Amino acid sequence: MQKGKDALEIFKKDLGTFVRFYEFMSQIVDYDDKALEKLSLYARNLRPMLRETLLEEDGIDLSGIELSHYRLSVIRQQDLRLQKDSADYKLEPGEGLGTAKAKDKDKQEEFISQIISRLNELFMTDHLTEKDLVNYAYTIRDKISENALVMKQIANNSTEQAMLGDFTKAVDDAIMDSSEVHQNQMMQLLSDPARVAGFAKVVFDLLKLAG
């Protein structure tokens, strides 16, 4: 039973990988293959339908049980009298619906904290504050968000696949176009490809959060 579940899970993951990879590559290469296109469409619609069938447990035999008596009890009783222009019999309206934001705020603060930690590992921060680091990352993110093709690739592909597209070049271009205000960070990035790669991942995560 477990082997069957594992096989199904692996097949679903492989199916999803194929669909995402084909959708990405078909934007670059014209395969001109109707059979492959049909397979992609079939796989895309098949994957959501692959669910495990839950086996029903043996039902409990209730044929020998007979209801002999029951009791009704008054738990709570209240008389609601609503009269026009009467202050004593008005219902209090509900308040604050849909305003809960504490959990979302906590998650965002935790995310920003992680971003700052990653940026501190990437840059020499002798003359840079945490605000400098975060603002620069947001500057690059905002510049890349103007690139419709890159944003489409990010939205429709996994991180690994999107990194193979136009995203990396867009990061390089945005760094080159950054103003003198960010010259310190720009020079550090341009002098170290590994540092650029790490910074690119930070910007990618920021774009994902914004999307």
Protein backbone atom coordinates (compact mmCIF):
# COMPACT_ATOMS: atom_id res chain seq x y z
CA MET A 1 0.00 0.00 0.00
CA GLN A 2 2.78 2.43 0.98
CA LYS A 3 4.80 1.56 -2.15
CA GLY A 4 1.76 2.41 -4.26
CA LYS A 5 1.40 5.79 -2.54
CA ASP A 6 5.09 6.54 -3.02
CA ALA A 7 4.90 5.62 -6.71
CA LEU A 8 1.87 7.87 -7.17
CA GLU A 9 3.59 10.76 -5.43
CA ILE A 10 6.73 10.38 -7.57
CA PHE A 11 4.62 10.18 -10.75
CA LYS A 12 2.71 13.35 -9.79
CA LYS A 13 5.95 15.23 -9.14
CA ASP A 14 7.47 14.05 -12.43
CA LEU A 15 4.29 15.05 -14.25
CA GLY A 16 4.41 18.52 -12.74
CA THR A 17 8.10 18.87 -13.61
CA PHE A 18 7.41 17.92 -17.22
CA VAL A 19 4.55 20.40 -17.56
CA ARG A 20 6.52 23.30 -16.05
CA PHE A 21 9.67 22.51 -18.07
CA TYR A 22 7.76 22.20 -21.36
CA GLU A 23 5.85 25.45 -20.76
CA PHE A 24 9.13 27.22 -20.07
CA MET A 25 11.11 25.74 -22.96
CA SER A 26 8.26 26.22 -25.46
CA GLN A 27 8.65 29.96 -24.91
CA ILE A 28 12.20 29.69 -26.21
CA VAL A 29 12.11 26.81 -28.71
CA ASP A 30 9.44 26.24 -31.36
CA TYR A 31 9.06 22.45 -31.20
CA ASP A 32 6.34 22.38 -33.91
CA ASP A 33 5.18 19.05 -32.47
CA LYS A 34 1.41 18.66 -32.06
CA ALA A 35 1.79 15.33 -30.25
CA LEU A 36 4.07 16.92 -27.65
CA GLU A 37 1.67 19.82 -27.21
CA LYS A 38 -1.25 17.41 -26.72
CA LEU A 39 0.80 15.45 -24.16
CA SER A 40 1.53 18.65 -22.26
CA LEU A 41 -2.15 19.62 -22.18
CA TYR A 42 -3.15 16.10 -21.10
CA ALA A 43 -0.52 16.03 -18.34
CA ARG A 44 -1.54 19.47 -17.08
CA ASN A 45 -5.17 18.38 -16.69
CA LEU A 46 -4.35 14.88 -15.44
CA ARG A 47 -2.18 15.92 -12.48
CA PRO A 48 -4.97 17.57 -10.39
CA MET A 49 -7.09 14.46 -10.84
CA LEU A 50 -4.51 12.10 -9.33
CA ARG A 51 -5.77 11.56 -5.81
CA GLU A 52 -5.44 8.70 -3.42
CA THR A 53 -8.66 6.73 -2.94
CA LEU A 54 -9.50 6.48 0.74
CA LEU A 55 -10.67 3.01 1.70
CA GLU A 56 -13.81 3.03 3.81
CA GLU A 57 -13.37 1.49 7.23
CA ASP A 58 -15.65 -1.28 8.36
CA GLY A 59 -18.92 0.28 9.44
CA ILE A 60 -20.20 -0.11 12.99
CA ASP A 61 -23.19 -2.43 13.25
CA LEU A 62 -26.00 -0.45 14.94
CA SER A 63 -28.78 -2.94 14.20
CA GLY A 64 -28.91 -4.20 17.81
CA ILE A 65 -29.23 -0.74 19.37
CA GLU A 66 -32.70 0.54 20.29
CA LEU A 67 -33.58 4.02 21.55
CA SER A 68 -35.52 3.46 24.79
CA HIS A 69 -35.97 7.03 26.08
CA TYR A 70 -34.61 10.54 25.78
CA ARG A 71 -34.73 13.83 27.69
CA LEU A 72 -35.09 17.43 26.50
CA SER A 73 -33.46 20.17 28.55
CA VAL A 74 -33.61 23.93 28.22
CA ILE A 75 -30.02 25.09 28.05
CA ARG A 76 -30.60 28.78 27.36
CA GLN A 77 -33.61 30.88 26.58
CA GLN A 78 -33.67 34.48 25.47
CA ASP A 79 -36.37 36.77 24.19
CA LEU A 80 -35.20 39.09 21.43
CA ARG A 81 -37.56 42.00 20.98
CA LEU A 82 -36.55 44.33 18.18
CA GLN A 83 -38.53 47.52 18.05
CA LYS A 84 -37.97 50.53 15.85
CA ASP A 85 -36.44 53.54 17.63
CA SER A 86 -35.96 51.56 20.83
CA ALA A 87 -32.49 51.73 22.38
CA ASP A 88 -33.16 48.78 24.69
CA TYR A 89 -33.77 46.19 21.98
CA LYS A 90 -31.13 46.81 19.35
CA LEU A 91 -28.53 44.24 18.37
CA GLU A 92 -24.91 45.33 18.52
CA PRO A 93 -23.30 45.08 15.08
CA GLY A 94 -20.16 43.04 14.59
CA GLU A 95 -16.87 44.90 14.34
CA GLY A 96 -13.42 44.32 12.97
CA LEU A 97 -14.28 41.70 10.37
CA GLY A 98 -11.33 40.95 8.12
CA THR A 99 -8.93 43.22 9.99
CA ALA A 100 -6.73 40.56 11.61
CA LYS A 101 -3.16 41.16 10.42
CA ALA A 102 -0.95 40.03 13.29
CA LYS A 103 0.09 36.71 11.76
CA ASP A 104 0.80 38.22 8.34
CA LYS A 105 2.83 40.98 9.98
CA ASP A 106 4.84 38.47 12.01
CA LYS A 107 5.60 36.43 8.89
CA GLN A 108 6.70 39.53 6.96
CA GLU A 109 8.94 40.70 9.81
CA GLU A 110 10.52 37.25 10.00
CA PHE A 111 11.06 37.25 6.23
CA ILE A 112 12.73 40.69 6.29
CA SER A 113 14.93 39.55 9.18
CA GLN A 114 16.08 36.57 7.12
CA ILE A 115 16.74 38.84 4.12
CA ILE A 116 18.89 41.17 6.24
CA SER A 117 20.85 38.21 7.58
CA ARG A 118 21.51 36.95 4.05
CA LEU A 119 22.56 40.42 2.87
CA ASN A 120 24.94 40.80 5.82
CA GLU A 121 26.61 37.57 4.75
CA LEU A 122 26.97 38.83 1.16
CA PHE A 123 28.33 42.34 1.75
CA MET A 124 31.15 43.90 3.73
CA THR A 125 29.09 46.20 5.91
CA ASP A 126 31.75 48.59 7.25
CA HIS A 127 30.08 51.58 5.60
CA LEU A 128 26.62 50.14 5.06
CA THR A 129 23.63 50.06 7.39
CA GLU A 130 20.90 47.41 7.34
CA LYS A 131 18.64 50.03 5.76
CA ASP A 132 21.20 50.57 2.98
CA LEU A 133 21.25 46.85 2.25
CA VAL A 134 17.49 46.38 2.23
CA ASN A 135 16.82 49.53 0.20
CA TYR A 136 19.32 48.45 -2.44
CA ALA A 137 17.75 45.00 -2.70
CA TYR A 138 14.32 46.60 -3.10
CA THR A 139 15.70 49.00 -5.73
CA ILE A 140 16.93 46.07 -7.83
CA ARG A 141 13.69 44.15 -7.21
CA ASP A 142 11.55 47.10 -8.36
CA LYS A 143 13.66 47.55 -11.49
CA ILE A 144 13.30 43.88 -12.45
CA SER A 145 9.56 43.91 -11.70
CA GLU A 146 9.20 46.27 -14.69
CA ASN A 147 10.39 43.46 -16.98
CA ALA A 148 7.17 41.71 -18.07
CA LEU A 149 8.94 38.69 -19.58
CA VAL A 150 10.98 37.99 -16.44
CA MET A 151 7.96 38.37 -14.18
CA LYS A 152 5.99 35.92 -16.35
CA GLN A 153 8.82 33.39 -16.12
CA ILE A 154 8.96 33.76 -12.33
CA ALA A 155 5.19 33.32 -12.00
CA ASN A 156 5.00 30.21 -14.19
CA ASN A 157 8.13 28.27 -13.27
CA SER A 158 9.98 26.86 -10.30
CA THR A 159 12.90 28.84 -8.85
CA GLU A 160 15.48 26.62 -10.58
CA GLN A 161 13.77 26.93 -13.97
CA ALA A 162 13.20 30.67 -13.69
CA MET A 163 16.89 31.18 -12.88
CA LEU A 164 17.70 29.61 -16.27
CA GLY A 165 15.66 32.23 -18.10
CA ASP A 166 16.15 35.99 -18.42
CA PHE A 167 16.25 36.68 -14.67
CA THR A 168 20.03 36.56 -14.17
CA LYS A 169 20.69 38.99 -17.04
CA ALA A 170 17.98 41.29 -15.69
CA VAL A 171 19.76 41.36 -12.31
CA ASP A 172 23.08 42.25 -13.99
CA ASP A 173 21.43 45.02 -16.01
CA ALA A 174 19.69 46.44 -12.94
CA ILE A 175 22.97 46.47 -11.00
CA MET A 176 24.72 48.29 -13.83
CA ASP A 177 21.93 50.87 -13.99
CA SER A 178 21.87 51.49 -10.23
CA SER A 179 22.64 55.07 -9.21
CA GLU A 180 25.75 56.48 -7.51
CA VAL A 181 23.90 56.28 -4.20
CA HIS A 182 24.44 52.52 -4.35
CA GLN A 183 27.93 52.61 -5.85
CA ASN A 184 29.47 50.89 -2.81
CA GLN A 185 27.29 47.83 -3.17
CA MET A 186 27.46 47.92 -6.96
CA MET A 187 31.28 47.73 -6.93
CA GLN A 188 31.24 44.84 -4.44
CA LEU A 189 28.80 42.90 -6.62
CA LEU A 190 30.58 43.56 -9.89
CA SER A 191 33.88 42.37 -8.42
CA ASP A 192 32.58 38.96 -7.31
CA PRO A 193 30.31 36.70 -9.46
CA ALA A 194 29.53 34.47 -6.48
CA ARG A 195 28.31 37.50 -4.55
CA VAL A 196 26.11 38.49 -7.50
CA ALA A 197 24.60 35.00 -7.54
CA GLY A 198 23.75 35.18 -3.84
CA PHE A 199 22.31 38.67 -4.23
CA ALA A 200 20.23 37.51 -7.22
CA LYS A 201 18.56 34.85 -5.05
CA VAL A 202 17.66 37.49 -2.44
CA VAL A 203 16.07 39.67 -5.15
CA PHE A 204 14.23 36.63 -6.53
CA ASP A 205 12.68 35.89 -3.12
CA LEU A 206 11.64 39.54 -2.77
CA LEU A 207 9.90 39.36 -6.14
CA LYS A 208 8.14 36.16 -5.11
CA LEU A 209 6.92 37.85 -1.92
CA ALA A 210 5.66 40.87 -3.85
CA GLY A 211 3.83 38.61 -6.34
